[in-house]
Amino acid sequence: MLKQQHLVSVAVMLLLAMVLFNLPEQVAIRIKAGIGGLFLPLFGLAAAGQTVVDSGVSATVSRRVLLRELANTRAENQQLAVRAMQGEEALRENERLRQLLGWQKQSPWNIKLARVIARDTAAWWRTLRIDLGTRDGVRSGLPVLVREGLIGKTGDVTLTTSEVILIGDPNCRVAVLVRETGEMGVLLGMSEGVFDHRLVDLSHLPRNSSVKPGQTVYTSGLGGVFPAGLPVGAIVDSRSVGYGLYTEARVRLAADISKTREVAVLFP
């Protein structure tokens, strides 16, 4: 049945073709134009569909490109922010080093500058490590200071690094004097029960001591480790101890160890 219908359709198409070929030229042109007009809407619909598809593909590609460019821009901004922070830190470091170099030239002592390279979290206020060692002439027991004043002395020394034992550690006792009164004593360690790393105890003052808050404390030169005249800090308060046999005071250190990044080692 289907085969017969197919044959009939083919025969009809052949017949129409023969008719068109035998018709006058003008009549044939009009008939062809009419048939073409029937198919034009279909062609227009197909073209419109293709345009919509092309627009969708273009929009998808553009969105992907925009997202990629946005991600690249964000990454570049982060890199620029990091570089800006590094630049600011480098400027601050250069300023500190410039000041230290000026201080080194004006200092009456023979000092070498060093960087703080490590700190032990278990002994944060007691020790730190610097980048000078035996190859630089460093040995154990040399004073270490910053522009504001004394911070400690060298401890264990390796070829390229040195431990610095800070004032406040019991292993770093400093013989000092109060400039305004001439009274001498010893810095023993950090004040107990006080959460301030810059407060240390000054002991062995006479029982009738006249020390007062604000008076300045310097190294006395006694003890053989620290030369005389190094600034240490200032008196905060004092009290009578040992049943009135002697006086003990608290001293606020001039140097803030929490901000220390460069130090100077003092050589004989």
Protein backbone atom coordinates (compact mmCIF):
# COMPACT_ATOMS: atom_id res chain seq x y z
CA MET A 1 0.00 0.00 0.00
CA LEU A 2 2.73 2.48 0.99
CA LYS A 3 4.70 1.54 -2.10
CA GLN A 4 1.72 2.34 -4.32
CA GLN A 5 1.28 5.75 -2.63
CA HIS A 6 4.96 6.49 -3.17
CA LEU A 7 4.71 5.62 -6.86
CA VAL A 8 1.63 7.83 -7.23
CA SER A 9 3.46 10.74 -5.56
CA VAL A 10 6.45 10.33 -7.86
CA ALA A 11 4.19 10.19 -10.91
CA VAL A 12 2.39 13.38 -9.81
CA MET A 13 5.67 15.21 -9.31
CA LEU A 14 6.91 14.15 -12.76
CA LEU A 15 3.65 15.22 -14.31
CA LEU A 16 3.85 18.66 -12.67
CA ALA A 17 7.45 19.06 -13.82
CA MET A 18 6.48 18.24 -17.41
CA VAL A 19 3.61 20.69 -17.23
CA LEU A 20 5.88 23.46 -15.90
CA PHE A 21 8.47 22.83 -18.60
CA ASN A 22 5.80 23.02 -21.32
CA LEU A 23 4.06 26.15 -20.03
CA PRO A 24 4.86 29.57 -21.44
CA GLU A 25 7.81 31.27 -19.72
CA GLN A 26 5.82 34.05 -18.00
CA VAL A 27 3.23 31.62 -16.63
CA ALA A 28 5.96 29.32 -15.34
CA ILE A 29 7.68 32.24 -13.57
CA ARG A 30 4.44 33.21 -11.81
CA ILE A 31 3.76 29.65 -10.68
CA LYS A 32 7.32 29.25 -9.36
CA ALA A 33 7.03 32.54 -7.47
CA GLY A 34 3.79 31.39 -5.87
CA ILE A 35 5.29 28.09 -4.80
CA GLY A 36 8.38 29.89 -3.44
CA GLY A 37 6.12 32.22 -1.44
CA LEU A 38 4.59 29.21 0.28
CA PHE A 39 8.04 28.14 1.55
CA LEU A 40 9.39 31.59 2.51
CA PRO A 41 7.81 31.61 6.03
CA LEU A 42 9.47 28.29 6.72
CA PHE A 43 12.85 29.66 5.59
CA GLY A 44 12.33 32.80 7.71
CA LEU A 45 11.45 30.75 10.77
CA ALA A 46 14.56 28.63 10.34
CA ALA A 47 16.74 31.71 9.94
CA ALA A 48 15.24 33.31 13.05
CA GLY A 49 15.82 30.14 15.04
CA GLN A 50 19.42 30.02 13.92
CA THR A 51 19.85 33.70 14.95
CA VAL A 52 18.45 32.96 18.42
CA VAL A 53 20.79 29.99 18.79
CA ASP A 54 23.78 32.05 17.66
CA SER A 55 22.84 34.85 20.10
CA GLY A 56 22.54 32.39 22.97
CA VAL A 57 25.90 30.84 22.19
CA SER A 58 27.47 34.29 21.92
CA ALA A 59 25.96 35.38 25.26
CA THR A 60 27.22 32.20 26.95
CA VAL A 61 30.71 32.70 25.58
CA SER A 62 30.69 36.38 26.58
CA ARG A 63 29.61 35.50 30.14
CA ARG A 64 32.40 32.96 30.45
CA VAL A 65 34.92 35.50 29.18
CA LEU A 66 33.64 38.13 31.62
CA LEU A 67 33.80 35.71 34.56
CA ARG A 68 37.35 34.71 33.62
CA GLU A 69 38.41 38.34 33.29
CA LEU A 70 36.76 39.16 36.63
CA ALA A 71 38.65 36.33 38.34
CA ASN A 72 41.92 37.50 36.77
CA THR A 73 41.25 41.07 37.91
CA ARG A 74 40.57 39.95 41.47
CA ALA A 75 43.78 37.92 41.53
CA GLU A 76 45.76 40.88 40.20
CA ASN A 77 44.20 43.15 42.84
CA GLN A 78 45.20 40.74 45.59
CA GLN A 79 48.76 40.59 44.25
CA LEU A 80 48.89 44.39 44.09
CA ALA A 81 47.60 44.65 47.66
CA VAL A 82 50.29 42.23 48.89
CA ARG A 83 52.99 44.13 46.98
CA ALA A 84 51.73 47.42 48.42
CA MET A 85 51.96 46.04 51.96
CA GLN A 86 55.42 44.66 51.25
CA GLY A 87 56.45 48.04 49.87
CA GLU A 88 55.16 49.84 52.97
CA GLU A 89 57.01 47.41 55.24
CA ALA A 90 60.19 47.87 53.20
CA LEU A 91 59.87 51.65 53.58
CA ARG A 92 59.41 51.32 57.33
CA GLU A 93 62.37 48.95 57.56
CA ASN A 94 64.53 51.33 55.51
CA GLU A 95 63.59 54.18 57.82
CA ARG A 96 64.46 52.14 60.90
CA LEU A 97 67.78 51.07 59.39
CA ARG A 98 68.56 54.65 58.40
CA GLN A 99 67.95 55.79 61.95
CA LEU A 100 70.01 52.91 63.33
CA LEU A 101 72.89 53.68 61.00
CA GLY A 102 72.80 57.31 62.09
CA TRP A 103 72.74 56.18 65.71
CA GLN A 104 75.61 53.77 65.04
CA LYS A 105 77.76 56.60 63.65
CA GLN A 106 76.96 58.89 66.59
CA SER A 107 77.23 56.21 69.28
CA PRO A 108 80.31 56.35 71.51
CA TRP A 109 80.30 52.53 71.64
CA ASN A 110 81.54 49.95 69.17
CA ILE A 111 78.32 48.34 67.97
CA LYS A 112 77.17 46.06 65.15
CA LEU A 113 73.61 46.02 63.87
CA ALA A 114 71.65 42.76 63.72
CA ARG A 115 68.17 41.59 62.76
CA VAL A 116 65.83 39.66 65.02
CA ILE A 117 65.21 36.41 63.15
CA ALA A 118 63.37 34.22 65.68
CA ARG A 119 61.55 34.21 69.00
CA ASP A 120 60.55 31.26 71.14
CA THR A 121 56.83 31.31 71.91
CA ALA A 122 57.49 29.48 75.18
CA ALA A 123 59.91 32.23 76.30
CA TRP A 124 58.65 35.20 74.29
CA TRP A 125 59.66 37.84 76.86
CA ARG A 126 62.88 36.10 77.90
CA THR A 127 64.89 35.37 74.74
CA LEU A 128 65.16 36.10 71.05
CA ARG A 129 67.63 35.20 68.29
CA ILE A 130 69.62 37.48 65.97
CA ASP A 131 71.56 36.98 62.74
CA LEU A 132 75.09 37.60 64.08
CA GLY A 133 77.36 34.79 65.25
CA THR A 134 80.94 33.82 65.92
CA ARG A 135 81.95 34.63 62.34
CA ASP A 136 80.95 38.24 63.15
CA GLY A 137 82.98 38.27 66.35
CA VAL A 138 80.04 37.72 68.69
CA ARG A 139 80.61 35.79 71.91
CA SER A 140 78.51 35.04 74.96
CA GLY A 141 77.93 37.87 77.44
CA LEU A 142 77.95 40.91 75.12
CA PRO A 143 75.39 43.68 75.81
CA VAL A 144 72.52 44.03 73.34
CA LEU A 145 70.61 47.28 73.02
CA VAL A 146 68.31 49.37 70.85
CA ARG A 147 68.12 53.14 70.47
CA GLU A 148 65.88 53.46 73.53
CA GLY A 149 68.17 51.46 75.79
CA LEU A 150 69.52 48.13 76.98
CA ILE A 151 67.48 44.99 76.28
CA GLY A 152 69.78 42.13 77.36
CA LYS A 153 72.94 40.20 76.59
CA THR A 154 74.08 37.46 74.24
CA GLY A 155 73.75 33.86 75.38
CA ASP A 156 74.44 30.76 73.29
CA VAL A 157 76.25 31.67 70.07
CA THR A 158 76.52 29.67 66.82
CA LEU A 159 78.46 30.41 63.67
CA THR A 160 75.72 32.59 62.17
CA THR A 161 73.22 33.34 64.98
CA SER A 162 73.13 34.32 68.63
CA GLU A 163 70.64 33.98 71.45
CA VAL A 164 69.78 37.18 73.31
CA ILE A 165 68.78 36.80 76.96
CA LEU A 166 66.43 39.68 77.70
CA ILE A 167 66.21 41.85 80.81
CA GLY A 168 63.45 40.26 82.85
CA ASP A 169 64.92 36.78 82.56
CA PRO A 170 66.49 35.68 85.88
CA ASN A 171 69.67 34.82 83.94
CA CYS A 172 70.14 38.45 82.93
CA ARG A 173 70.84 40.44 86.07
CA VAL A 174 71.91 44.03 85.52
CA ALA A 175 73.74 46.28 88.00
CA VAL A 176 72.20 49.75 87.76
CA LEU A 177 72.10 53.12 89.45
CA VAL A 178 69.42 55.76 89.81
CA ARG A 179 70.87 58.88 88.21
CA GLU A 180 69.02 61.41 90.40
CA THR A 181 70.00 59.82 93.73
CA GLY A 182 73.15 57.87 92.89
CA GLU A 183 71.72 54.79 94.59
CA MET A 184 72.69 51.43 93.13
CA GLY A 185 70.84 48.15 92.88
CA VAL A 186 70.30 45.07 90.72
CA LEU A 187 67.57 44.28 88.20
CA LEU A 188 66.47 40.75 89.06
CA GLY A 189 63.60 39.87 86.72
CA MET A 190 60.05 40.59 85.69
CA SER A 191 57.66 41.74 88.40
CA GLU A 192 55.46 38.89 89.60
CA GLY A 193 51.70 39.13 89.19
CA VAL A 194 51.96 41.96 86.66
CA PHE A 195 51.02 41.38 83.01
CA ASP A 196 53.44 43.97 81.68
CA HIS A 197 56.65 42.65 80.14
CA ARG A 198 58.32 46.03 80.57
CA LEU A 199 58.10 46.06 84.37
CA VAL A 200 61.10 44.56 86.20
CA ASP A 201 62.13 44.49 89.87
CA LEU A 202 65.02 46.60 91.15
CA SER A 203 66.40 45.16 94.40
CA HIS A 204 69.20 45.83 96.91
CA LEU A 205 68.36 49.52 97.33
CA PRO A 206 69.13 50.97 100.82
CA ARG A 207 66.29 50.90 103.33
CA ASN A 208 66.14 54.69 103.48
CA SER A 209 66.12 54.99 99.69
CA SER A 210 64.81 58.24 98.23
CA VAL A 211 63.88 56.89 94.81
CA LYS A 212 60.73 58.36 93.29
CA PRO A 213 58.60 57.63 90.24
CA GLY A 214 60.04 59.05 87.02
CA GLN A 215 63.70 58.94 88.09
CA THR A 216 65.96 57.44 85.41
CA VAL A 217 67.90 54.20 85.71
CA TYR A 218 71.22 53.50 83.93
CA THR A 219 73.77 50.70 84.04
CA SER A 220 76.33 51.27 86.79
CA GLY A 221 79.23 49.45 85.12
CA LEU A 222 79.58 47.04 88.04
CA GLY A 223 79.41 43.32 87.37
CA GLY A 224 81.77 43.20 84.40
CA VAL A 225 79.14 42.68 81.69
CA PHE A 226 77.47 45.99 80.96
CA PRO A 227 79.45 49.25 80.66
CA ALA A 228 78.31 52.25 82.65
CA GLY A 229 75.88 54.73 81.18
CA LEU A 230 73.54 52.53 79.15
CA PRO A 231 69.92 53.72 79.57
CA VAL A 232 67.64 51.11 81.11
CA GLY A 233 64.35 52.70 82.16
CA ALA A 234 62.59 54.75 84.82
CA ILE A 235 61.31 54.17 88.37
CA VAL A 236 57.58 53.37 88.60
CA ASP A 237 57.17 52.92 92.36
CA SER A 238 58.98 51.52 95.43
CA ARG A 239 58.24 49.69 98.68
CA SER A 240 60.00 48.57 101.81
CA VAL A 241 60.71 44.83 102.00
CA GLY A 242 62.57 42.39 104.25
CA TYR A 243 61.01 43.85 107.41
CA GLY A 244 62.34 47.26 106.47
CA LEU A 245 65.93 46.12 105.88
CA TYR A 246 66.03 47.34 102.28
CA THR A 247 63.90 48.90 99.53
CA GLU A 248 62.68 47.37 96.33
CA ALA A 249 61.38 49.31 93.30
CA ARG A 250 59.78 48.59 89.99
CA VAL A 251 61.39 49.88 86.80
CA ARG A 252 59.65 50.35 83.47
CA LEU A 253 62.12 49.48 80.72
CA ALA A 254 62.80 52.14 78.12
CA ALA A 255 62.85 49.64 75.25
CA ASP A 256 59.69 47.84 74.12
CA ILE A 257 60.78 44.30 73.24
CA SER A 258 57.47 43.58 71.48
CA LYS A 259 58.40 46.08 68.73
CA THR A 260 62.05 45.13 68.40
CA ARG A 261 63.12 44.01 64.91
CA GLU A 262 66.70 45.28 64.77
CA VAL A 263 69.20 45.43 67.61
CA ALA A 264 72.82 46.42 68.19
CA VAL A 265 75.45 44.21 69.78
CA LEU A 266 77.96 46.20 71.85
CA PHE A 267 81.58 45.06 71.54
CA PRO A 268 84.37 45.92 73.99
